[in-house]
Amino acid sequence: MIRGRYRNAWRVIARNAILGIAIAGAFSSSAWAERTIKLAIIGYISGAAAGSAGIPARDGAELVIDAINAGTLLGPYHSKGLAGARIDPLIIDEAGSTTQVVANYRTLVQQRHVNAVIGYQNSGNCLAVAPVAEELRALTIFSSCGTSRIFEGHSYHYVFRTAPMEIIGGVGAAHYIEKAYPQAKTYAGINQNYAWGQDSWHQFGASMKAIDPGAKAVVALWPKIFSGEYSAEISTLLIDKPAIIHSSFWGGDLTAFLTQAAARGLGKHSRLLLTLGEQNMFTTPKLIPNGSILAAEGADGYFARKTPLNNWFRAAYEKRYGTPPIYPSYQAADALLGLKAAYDKAEKKAHKFPTIAEVGKALTHLSYEGLGEKIDMALGEGHQAVTATALGTYEYDTKTGKPTMRKVVYFPAWCVNPPPGTKAVAWIEGGLKGAKCH
């Protein structure tokens, strides 16, 4: 009996040993199987910003990570992994105070030993994380949080942003109003009272003065971020009746504002200009007043041009998640494409698996194919992307139940971005010199 047990045990051991040899033989020639990149993906998975920002970004990231690991992406991204290494994603919730976000970042780098970090959607969080990332020499790619303050006056080696600055929203919107609605001569603003909202409003106002000096700002309103209550502000806007109401609201704030504005008919008296409104096209289409001007952070989401890569992404996203991808989905995906392009470029140059420093050098000043357009790391000493942008006028078809856009206009990257070495506001206030809009 005992001998039988030992005989069976040895059979199991021998069988497992043979299986192990077979597996080792199959994988021994594959760098992808031997290496793993631990990658943290940061975004709002809970709270007011989750539904229309954080979760779509996470979904876009997971879709592209799966394709990178499988080697099923198109074009220049068809090889498996990052320089052959498999991505091991770690999804982290951005919700919490800025102090908590920074503490979580330190934990990821110093204790959980992630190889790189992608994400962040709150501009305040990015401003706080950037110097810590540089201190820890941790490769960090901001996929959103568009404030121009991150790279203005600062030099980084390990910090990048593959999404454009918020300046394209302000400059693009002013150009669009001049082209599509030149009769609009009064405008107001309701924006979140922190870096993103402040910068967005100031740059839009300065752009209007440069492009249409005859237009006049009547009021600027500053509710707290994620406050969710805008009764007083809506009352003020209903009294003033500006032709255009500018808002850079996003996430739960945008949904709450649209809900309360619709209940009081704000869109009947003024045209809403929602610089991030594309994110609500498919989640709350009936709340957006027809005739509103919508944009995204760049020519992404609905505005993404038809390319083989974008056609794949849109079809795969809709199949997996049952809804069209919006611009946060594109931003997360484009950050991953930039990371892959940098890893592959660095490996080719080094003739070995690259270090984090070598990947950072490869990403600096890199131009690469995004899902719908070219992404050029041209500002911030090669650490800040520039892209084109687009705006359109929203229409909801009650018969088909589908949202769409009309009067869509695209503006080239160097029409809405400052030249290298020039601060955003200074460029706008100087009359947008050197802008290439044709």
Protein backbone atom coordinates (compact mmCIF):
# COMPACT_ATOMS: atom_id res chain seq x y z
CA MET A 1 0.00 0.00 0.00
CA ILE A 2 2.76 2.42 1.01
CA ARG A 3 4.84 1.43 -2.03
CA GLY A 4 1.80 2.10 -4.25
CA ARG A 5 1.41 5.58 -2.79
CA TYR A 6 5.11 6.37 -3.40
CA ARG A 7 4.88 4.97 -6.92
CA ASN A 8 1.87 7.23 -7.68
CA ALA A 9 3.59 10.23 -6.11
CA TRP A 10 6.69 9.73 -8.24
CA ARG A 11 4.52 9.41 -11.32
CA VAL A 12 2.94 12.81 -10.54
CA ILE A 13 6.37 14.36 -9.93
CA ALA A 14 7.74 12.91 -13.17
CA ARG A 15 4.70 14.07 -15.13
CA ASN A 16 4.96 17.61 -13.71
CA ALA A 17 8.70 17.67 -14.41
CA ILE A 18 8.11 16.72 -18.04
CA LEU A 19 5.36 19.36 -18.30
CA GLY A 20 7.67 21.94 -16.76
CA ILE A 21 10.44 21.11 -19.25
CA ALA A 22 7.95 21.43 -22.12
CA ILE A 23 6.70 24.79 -20.89
CA ALA A 24 10.23 26.07 -20.32
CA GLY A 25 11.22 24.94 -23.79
CA ALA A 26 8.23 26.67 -25.35
CA PHE A 27 8.94 29.95 -23.57
CA SER A 28 12.72 29.99 -23.32
CA SER A 29 13.16 31.85 -26.60
CA SER A 30 10.49 34.43 -25.84
CA ALA A 31 11.47 37.64 -24.02
CA TRP A 32 7.75 38.41 -23.69
CA ALA A 33 7.27 35.34 -21.45
CA GLU A 34 10.39 36.03 -19.40
CA ARG A 35 9.72 39.69 -18.54
CA THR A 36 6.79 41.49 -17.00
CA ILE A 37 6.17 45.21 -16.75
CA LYS A 38 4.16 46.10 -13.68
CA LEU A 39 2.08 49.06 -14.82
CA ALA A 40 -0.17 51.13 -12.56
CA ILE A 41 -3.28 52.62 -14.24
CA ILE A 42 -4.71 55.53 -12.21
CA GLY A 43 -8.18 57.04 -12.62
CA TYR A 44 -11.49 57.67 -10.88
CA ILE A 45 -13.05 54.24 -10.41
CA SER A 46 -15.42 55.49 -7.71
CA GLY A 47 -17.13 58.78 -6.94
CA ALA A 48 -18.62 61.52 -9.08
CA ALA A 49 -15.99 61.37 -11.83
CA ALA A 50 -16.07 57.60 -12.35
CA GLY A 51 -18.95 57.08 -14.79
CA SER A 52 -18.01 59.57 -17.51
CA ALA A 53 -14.25 59.77 -16.99
CA GLY A 54 -12.49 57.16 -14.87
CA ILE A 55 -14.27 53.98 -15.92
CA PRO A 56 -14.20 54.75 -19.67
CA ALA A 57 -10.47 55.45 -19.32
CA ARG A 58 -9.94 52.18 -17.47
CA ASP A 59 -11.93 50.27 -20.08
CA GLY A 60 -9.91 51.78 -22.92
CA ALA A 61 -6.66 50.94 -21.14
CA GLU A 62 -7.66 47.33 -20.46
CA LEU A 63 -8.71 46.80 -24.08
CA VAL A 64 -5.39 48.05 -25.44
CA ILE A 65 -3.32 46.20 -22.81
CA ASP A 66 -4.98 42.94 -23.80
CA ALA A 67 -4.20 43.63 -27.45
CA ILE A 68 -0.57 44.58 -26.71
CA ASN A 69 -0.06 41.42 -24.67
CA ALA A 70 -1.64 39.31 -27.42
CA GLY A 71 0.21 41.07 -30.24
CA THR A 72 -3.04 41.84 -32.08
CA LEU A 73 -2.72 45.62 -32.50
CA LEU A 74 -2.39 47.10 -35.97
CA GLY A 75 0.33 49.09 -37.69
CA PRO A 76 3.53 49.83 -35.79
CA TYR A 77 2.17 48.22 -32.63
CA HIS A 78 1.73 44.63 -33.87
CA SER A 79 4.57 43.07 -31.83
CA LYS A 80 3.79 41.51 -28.47
CA GLY A 81 4.31 43.41 -25.24
CA LEU A 82 6.50 46.39 -24.40
CA ALA A 83 9.83 45.59 -26.03
CA GLY A 84 8.66 41.99 -25.70
CA ALA A 85 7.62 42.22 -22.04
CA ARG A 86 4.10 41.40 -20.91
CA ILE A 87 2.10 44.16 -19.20
CA ASP A 88 0.83 43.32 -15.73
CA PRO A 89 -1.77 46.07 -15.05
CA LEU A 90 -2.64 47.33 -11.60
CA ILE A 91 -5.83 49.45 -11.56
CA ILE A 92 -5.80 52.13 -8.84
CA ASP A 93 -8.63 54.49 -7.84
CA GLU A 94 -7.74 58.19 -7.95
CA ALA A 95 -10.55 59.11 -5.56
CA GLY A 96 -9.45 60.84 -2.37
CA SER A 97 -7.62 64.01 -1.34
CA THR A 98 -4.50 65.17 -3.14
CA THR A 99 -2.48 64.21 -0.05
CA GLN A 100 -3.87 60.67 -0.27
CA VAL A 101 -3.18 60.51 -4.00
CA VAL A 102 0.47 61.45 -3.49
CA ALA A 103 0.83 58.96 -0.62
CA ASN A 104 -0.67 56.24 -2.82
CA TYR A 105 1.77 57.13 -5.58
CA ARG A 106 4.74 56.77 -3.25
CA THR A 107 3.42 53.38 -2.12
CA LEU A 108 3.09 52.19 -5.71
CA VAL A 109 6.66 53.14 -6.56
CA GLN A 110 8.53 52.45 -3.33
CA GLN A 111 6.66 49.45 -1.92
CA ARG A 112 4.80 47.82 -4.80
CA HIS A 113 7.68 48.52 -7.19
CA VAL A 114 5.67 49.36 -10.29
CA ASN A 115 7.79 49.95 -13.39
CA ALA A 116 5.66 52.80 -14.71
CA VAL A 117 2.49 54.78 -13.95
CA ILE A 118 -0.16 55.94 -16.43
CA GLY A 119 -3.25 58.05 -15.76
CA TYR A 120 -4.58 60.79 -13.45
CA GLN A 121 -7.51 62.96 -14.43
CA ASN A 122 -7.47 65.73 -11.82
CA SER A 123 -5.12 68.60 -12.68
CA GLY A 124 -4.45 69.28 -9.00
CA ASN A 125 -3.32 65.69 -8.54
CA CYS A 126 -0.99 65.89 -11.53
CA LEU A 127 0.59 69.08 -10.23
CA ALA A 128 1.24 67.36 -6.90
CA VAL A 129 2.45 64.04 -8.31
CA ALA A 130 4.85 65.44 -10.94
CA PRO A 131 7.69 66.56 -8.59
CA VAL A 132 7.36 63.34 -6.56
CA ALA A 133 7.68 61.25 -9.72
CA GLU A 134 10.83 63.14 -10.63
CA GLU A 135 12.22 62.72 -7.12
CA LEU A 136 11.64 58.94 -7.27
CA ARG A 137 12.79 58.69 -10.90
CA ALA A 138 9.58 56.86 -11.74
CA LEU A 139 8.36 56.90 -15.33
CA THR A 140 4.95 58.59 -15.20
CA ILE A 141 2.66 59.43 -18.13
CA PHE A 142 -0.28 61.70 -17.44
CA SER A 143 -3.06 60.68 -19.81
CA SER A 144 -5.33 63.63 -19.00
CA CYS A 145 -5.31 66.57 -16.46
CA GLY A 146 -4.71 69.28 -19.03
CA THR A 147 -3.42 72.21 -16.97
CA SER A 148 -0.52 73.94 -18.71
CA ARG A 149 1.15 74.65 -15.35
CA ILE A 150 2.82 71.23 -15.16
CA PHE A 151 5.58 71.90 -17.68
CA GLU A 152 5.68 75.68 -17.69
CA GLY A 153 8.81 76.66 -15.78
CA HIS A 154 9.64 73.05 -14.90
CA SER A 155 12.02 70.53 -16.48
CA TYR A 156 11.36 66.83 -16.04
CA HIS A 157 13.12 63.64 -17.09
CA TYR A 158 10.54 61.07 -15.97
CA VAL A 159 7.21 62.92 -16.28
CA PHE A 160 5.25 63.09 -19.55
CA ARG A 161 1.76 63.92 -20.75
CA THR A 162 0.50 62.33 -23.96
CA ALA A 163 -2.74 64.35 -23.89
CA PRO A 164 -2.83 68.00 -24.98
CA MET A 165 -3.01 70.99 -22.65
CA GLU A 166 -6.30 72.69 -21.90
CA ILE A 167 -5.22 75.64 -24.05
CA ILE A 168 -6.58 73.87 -27.14
CA GLY A 169 -10.05 74.03 -25.57
CA GLY A 170 -9.97 77.79 -25.09
CA VAL A 171 -8.30 78.74 -28.36
CA GLY A 172 -10.30 76.20 -30.37
CA ALA A 173 -13.58 77.36 -28.84
CA ALA A 174 -12.88 81.01 -29.64
CA HIS A 175 -11.99 80.13 -33.24
CA TYR A 176 -15.13 78.01 -33.52
CA ILE A 177 -17.45 80.75 -32.24
CA GLU A 178 -15.92 83.20 -34.71
CA LYS A 179 -16.52 80.78 -37.58
CA ALA A 180 -19.88 79.23 -36.64
CA TYR A 181 -21.58 81.89 -34.48
CA PRO A 182 -19.99 85.28 -35.19
CA GLN A 183 -23.14 87.06 -33.97
CA ALA A 184 -22.52 85.86 -30.37
CA LYS A 185 -21.10 88.92 -28.62
CA THR A 186 -21.57 88.14 -24.92
CA TYR A 187 -20.25 85.20 -22.95
CA ALA A 188 -20.11 83.96 -19.37
CA GLY A 189 -18.29 81.19 -17.57
CA ILE A 190 -19.11 78.56 -14.94
CA ASN A 191 -16.02 76.55 -14.11
CA GLN A 192 -14.63 74.52 -11.22
CA ASN A 193 -12.56 76.57 -8.81
CA TYR A 194 -9.20 74.81 -9.17
CA ALA A 195 -6.31 74.69 -11.66
CA TRP A 196 -8.22 73.12 -14.55
CA GLY A 197 -11.28 75.35 -14.33
CA GLN A 198 -9.31 78.54 -13.69
CA ASP A 199 -6.90 77.96 -16.56
CA SER A 200 -9.68 76.93 -18.96
CA TRP A 201 -11.70 80.08 -18.34
CA HIS A 202 -8.75 82.48 -18.41
CA GLN A 203 -7.44 81.02 -21.66
CA PHE A 204 -10.87 81.06 -23.29
CA GLY A 205 -11.42 84.68 -22.27
CA ALA A 206 -7.99 85.73 -23.51
CA SER A 207 -8.61 83.86 -26.77
CA MET A 208 -11.92 85.66 -27.28
CA LYS A 209 -10.20 89.01 -26.77
CA ALA A 210 -7.56 88.08 -29.34
CA ILE A 211 -9.91 86.58 -31.93
CA ASP A 212 -13.10 88.62 -31.42
CA PRO A 213 -12.29 91.73 -29.35
CA GLY A 214 -15.85 92.99 -29.83
CA ALA A 215 -17.25 90.18 -27.64
CA LYS A 216 -17.71 90.90 -23.93
CA ALA A 217 -17.49 88.71 -20.83
CA VAL A 218 -20.42 89.37 -18.48
CA VAL A 219 -19.79 87.10 -15.49
CA ALA A 220 -17.45 84.33 -14.27
CA LEU A 221 -18.75 81.84 -11.69
CA TRP A 222 -16.53 79.54 -9.59
CA PRO A 223 -18.27 76.65 -7.79
CA LYS A 224 -16.13 74.19 -5.84
CA ILE A 225 -15.04 71.05 -7.71
CA PHE A 226 -17.47 68.15 -7.25
CA SER A 227 -19.95 70.39 -5.41
CA GLY A 228 -22.86 69.08 -7.51
CA GLU A 229 -25.17 72.00 -6.67
CA TYR A 230 -25.49 74.96 -9.07
CA SER A 231 -28.84 76.59 -8.34
CA ALA A 232 -27.38 80.01 -7.51
CA GLU A 233 -25.07 80.01 -10.51
CA ILE A 234 -27.86 78.98 -12.89
CA SER A 235 -30.04 81.78 -11.52
CA THR A 236 -27.31 84.30 -12.28
CA LEU A 237 -26.89 82.98 -15.81
CA LEU A 238 -30.64 83.08 -16.43
CA ILE A 239 -30.71 86.73 -15.38
CA ASP A 240 -27.66 87.78 -17.44
CA LYS A 241 -28.65 85.75 -20.55
CA PRO A 242 -25.22 85.67 -22.23
CA ALA A 243 -25.11 84.41 -25.80
CA ILE A 244 -22.49 81.79 -24.84
CA ILE A 245 -21.98 79.98 -21.51
CA HIS A 246 -18.49 78.49 -21.30
CA SER A 247 -17.92 75.51 -19.00
CA SER A 248 -15.01 73.11 -18.65
CA PHE A 249 -17.00 70.90 -16.22
CA TRP A 250 -16.29 67.17 -16.42
CA GLY A 251 -17.34 63.99 -14.65
CA GLY A 252 -20.15 64.20 -12.13
CA ASP A 253 -20.08 68.00 -12.12
CA LEU A 254 -20.95 68.10 -15.81
CA THR A 255 -23.81 65.63 -15.38
CA ALA A 256 -25.19 67.48 -12.35
CA PHE A 257 -24.97 70.83 -14.12
CA LEU A 258 -26.72 69.52 -17.23
CA THR A 259 -29.48 67.98 -15.11
CA GLN A 260 -30.15 71.19 -13.21
CA ALA A 261 -29.74 73.41 -16.28
CA ALA A 262 -32.25 71.31 -18.26
CA ALA A 263 -34.81 71.53 -15.47
CA ARG A 264 -34.66 75.32 -15.59
CA GLY A 265 -34.37 75.76 -19.35
CA LEU A 266 -30.93 77.37 -19.32
CA GLY A 267 -30.13 76.11 -22.82
CA LYS A 268 -33.17 77.93 -24.25
CA HIS A 269 -31.76 81.34 -23.37
CA SER A 270 -28.04 80.79 -23.97
CA ARG A 271 -25.88 78.46 -26.04
CA LEU A 272 -23.84 76.12 -23.85
CA LEU A 273 -20.16 75.75 -24.76
CA LEU A 274 -18.98 72.55 -23.06
CA THR A 275 -15.28 72.05 -23.76
CA LEU A 276 -15.45 68.47 -22.41
CA GLY A 277 -19.08 67.84 -23.32
CA GLU A 278 -18.32 64.95 -25.68
CA GLN A 279 -18.01 62.65 -22.66
CA ASN A 280 -21.76 62.99 -22.00
CA MET A 281 -22.97 62.47 -25.58
CA PHE A 282 -23.84 58.83 -25.01
CA THR A 283 -24.48 58.71 -21.27
CA THR A 284 -26.93 61.64 -20.92
CA PRO A 285 -27.81 62.60 -24.52
CA LYS A 286 -31.25 63.98 -23.66
CA LEU A 287 -29.84 66.40 -21.08
CA ILE A 288 -27.63 68.28 -23.52
CA PRO A 289 -29.60 71.10 -25.19
CA ASN A 290 -29.68 70.98 -28.97
CA GLY A 291 -27.42 73.67 -30.35
CA SER A 292 -24.81 73.30 -27.60
CA ILE A 293 -21.17 73.46 -28.69
CA LEU A 294 -19.26 70.34 -27.63
CA ALA A 295 -15.59 69.45 -27.68
CA ALA A 296 -13.20 66.93 -26.19
CA GLU A 297 -9.55 67.21 -25.18
CA GLY A 298 -8.33 67.00 -28.74
CA ALA A 299 -9.82 65.31 -31.79
CA ASP A 300 -10.76 62.20 -29.83
CA GLY A 301 -13.90 60.22 -29.06
CA TYR A 302 -16.67 61.19 -31.47
CA PHE A 303 -14.24 63.49 -33.30
CA ALA A 304 -11.51 60.87 -33.86
CA ARG A 305 -10.70 60.53 -37.54
CA LYS A 306 -11.30 57.23 -39.29
CA THR A 307 -8.05 55.28 -39.47
CA PRO A 308 -7.47 51.50 -39.44
CA LEU A 309 -6.27 51.73 -35.84
CA ASN A 310 -9.23 53.84 -34.73
CA ASN A 311 -11.70 51.65 -36.62
CA TRP A 312 -10.35 48.62 -34.75
CA PHE A 313 -10.49 50.39 -31.39
CA ARG A 314 -14.02 51.70 -31.82
CA ALA A 315 -15.40 48.34 -32.99
CA ALA A 316 -13.58 46.34 -30.30
CA TYR A 317 -14.65 48.79 -27.56
CA GLU A 318 -18.31 48.74 -28.56
CA LYS A 319 -18.27 44.95 -28.79
CA ARG A 320 -16.74 44.54 -25.33
CA TYR A 321 -18.51 47.32 -23.42
CA GLY A 322 -21.71 47.92 -25.40
CA THR A 323 -21.18 51.67 -25.86
CA PRO A 324 -19.04 53.91 -28.07
CA PRO A 325 -15.68 55.00 -26.63
CA ILE A 326 -15.45 58.60 -25.48
CA TYR A 327 -12.39 60.81 -25.23
CA PRO A 328 -11.14 59.53 -21.81
CA SER A 329 -11.06 56.04 -23.37
CA TYR A 330 -8.91 57.41 -26.18
CA GLN A 331 -6.59 59.29 -23.86
CA ALA A 332 -5.76 56.20 -21.80
CA ALA A 333 -5.29 54.12 -24.94
CA ASP A 334 -3.04 56.74 -26.56
CA ALA A 335 -0.86 56.89 -23.43
CA LEU A 336 -0.33 53.14 -23.72
CA LEU A 337 0.51 53.42 -27.42
CA GLY A 338 3.10 56.07 -26.55
CA LEU A 339 4.57 53.85 -23.86
CA LYS A 340 4.80 50.91 -26.27
CA ALA A 341 6.35 53.04 -28.99
CA ALA A 342 8.96 54.32 -26.52
CA TYR A 343 9.81 50.86 -25.16
CA ASP A 344 10.15 49.40 -28.64
CA LYS A 345 12.26 52.34 -29.85
CA ALA A 346 14.53 52.17 -26.80
CA GLU A 347 15.04 48.42 -27.18
CA LYS A 348 15.96 48.84 -30.83
CA LYS A 349 18.51 51.53 -30.00
CA ALA A 350 20.04 49.76 -26.98
CA HIS A 351 19.98 46.25 -28.53
CA LYS A 352 18.77 45.00 -25.15
CA PHE A 353 15.79 45.36 -22.85
CA PRO A 354 15.77 49.09 -22.03
CA THR A 355 16.06 50.78 -18.66
CA ILE A 356 13.43 53.25 -17.46
CA ALA A 357 15.81 56.11 -18.25
CA GLU A 358 16.27 54.83 -21.80
CA VAL A 359 12.49 54.55 -22.27
CA GLY A 360 12.11 58.13 -21.04
CA LYS A 361 14.68 59.36 -23.55
CA ALA A 362 12.87 57.48 -26.32
CA LEU A 363 9.55 59.09 -25.39
CA THR A 364 11.06 62.59 -25.33
CA HIS A 365 10.19 64.46 -28.56
CA LEU A 366 8.58 61.29 -29.92
CA SER A 367 5.99 61.57 -32.69
CA TYR A 368 3.73 58.55 -32.92
CA GLU A 369 0.44 57.34 -34.34
CA GLY A 370 -2.49 57.78 -31.98
CA LEU A 371 -5.86 56.14 -32.42
CA GLY A 372 -7.25 58.89 -34.61
CA GLU A 373 -4.40 61.31 -35.18
CA LYS A 374 -0.69 62.00 -34.79
CA ILE A 375 0.59 62.71 -31.30
CA ASP A 376 3.68 64.91 -31.20
CA MET A 377 5.64 65.29 -27.94
CA ALA A 378 6.71 68.78 -28.97
CA LEU A 379 6.29 71.02 -25.93
CA GLY A 380 7.69 70.94 -22.39
CA GLU A 381 11.15 70.08 -23.73
CA GLY A 382 9.65 67.06 -25.46
CA HIS A 383 7.47 65.89 -22.57
CA GLN A 384 4.13 67.52 -23.48
CA ALA A 385 2.00 66.42 -26.43
CA VAL A 386 0.36 68.63 -29.00
CA THR A 387 -2.59 67.46 -31.06
CA ALA A 388 -5.30 68.89 -33.24
CA THR A 389 -8.72 69.63 -31.78
CA ALA A 390 -12.30 69.70 -33.03
CA LEU A 391 -15.66 71.17 -32.04
CA GLY A 392 -19.21 70.68 -33.24
CA THR A 393 -22.80 71.71 -32.61
CA TYR A 394 -24.84 69.05 -30.83
CA GLU A 395 -28.11 67.59 -32.08
CA TYR A 396 -30.20 64.81 -30.56
CA ASP A 397 -32.50 63.01 -32.98
CA THR A 398 -35.64 62.08 -31.04
CA LYS A 399 -36.77 59.73 -33.81
CA THR A 400 -33.65 57.58 -33.86
CA GLY A 401 -32.62 58.24 -30.26
CA LYS A 402 -29.06 58.96 -31.38
CA PRO A 403 -26.86 61.99 -30.70
CA THR A 404 -24.81 63.57 -33.46
CA MET A 405 -22.87 66.71 -34.37
CA ARG A 406 -23.17 69.24 -37.15
CA LYS A 407 -20.89 72.12 -38.15
CA VAL A 408 -17.86 70.08 -37.08
CA VAL A 409 -14.60 72.00 -37.50
CA TYR A 410 -11.05 70.66 -37.01
CA PHE A 411 -8.19 72.94 -35.99
CA PRO A 412 -4.57 71.84 -36.60
CA ALA A 413 -2.23 71.29 -33.66
CA TRP A 414 -0.15 74.42 -34.31
CA CYS A 415 -3.27 76.55 -34.66
CA VAL A 416 -4.30 75.93 -31.04
CA ASN A 417 -0.95 75.28 -29.30
CA PRO A 418 1.79 77.82 -28.49
CA PRO A 419 5.23 77.55 -30.10
CA PRO A 420 7.86 75.70 -28.03
CA GLY A 421 9.29 77.80 -25.22
CA THR A 422 6.23 80.08 -25.04
CA LYS A 423 3.85 80.09 -22.08
CA ALA A 424 0.23 79.46 -22.98
CA VAL A 425 -1.38 82.62 -21.61
CA ALA A 426 1.46 84.84 -22.82
CA TRP A 427 1.03 83.44 -26.34
CA ILE A 428 -2.71 84.06 -26.32
CA GLU A 429 -2.42 87.55 -24.86
CA GLY A 430 0.27 88.33 -27.44
CA GLY A 431 -2.28 87.77 -30.21
CA LEU A 432 -1.61 84.09 -31.02
CA LYS A 433 1.48 84.95 -33.05
CA GLY A 434 2.72 82.20 -35.32
CA ALA A 435 -0.55 80.23 -35.22
CA LYS A 436 -0.90 77.99 -38.27
CA CYS A 437 -4.62 77.59 -38.82
CA HIS A 438 -4.86 76.92 -42.54
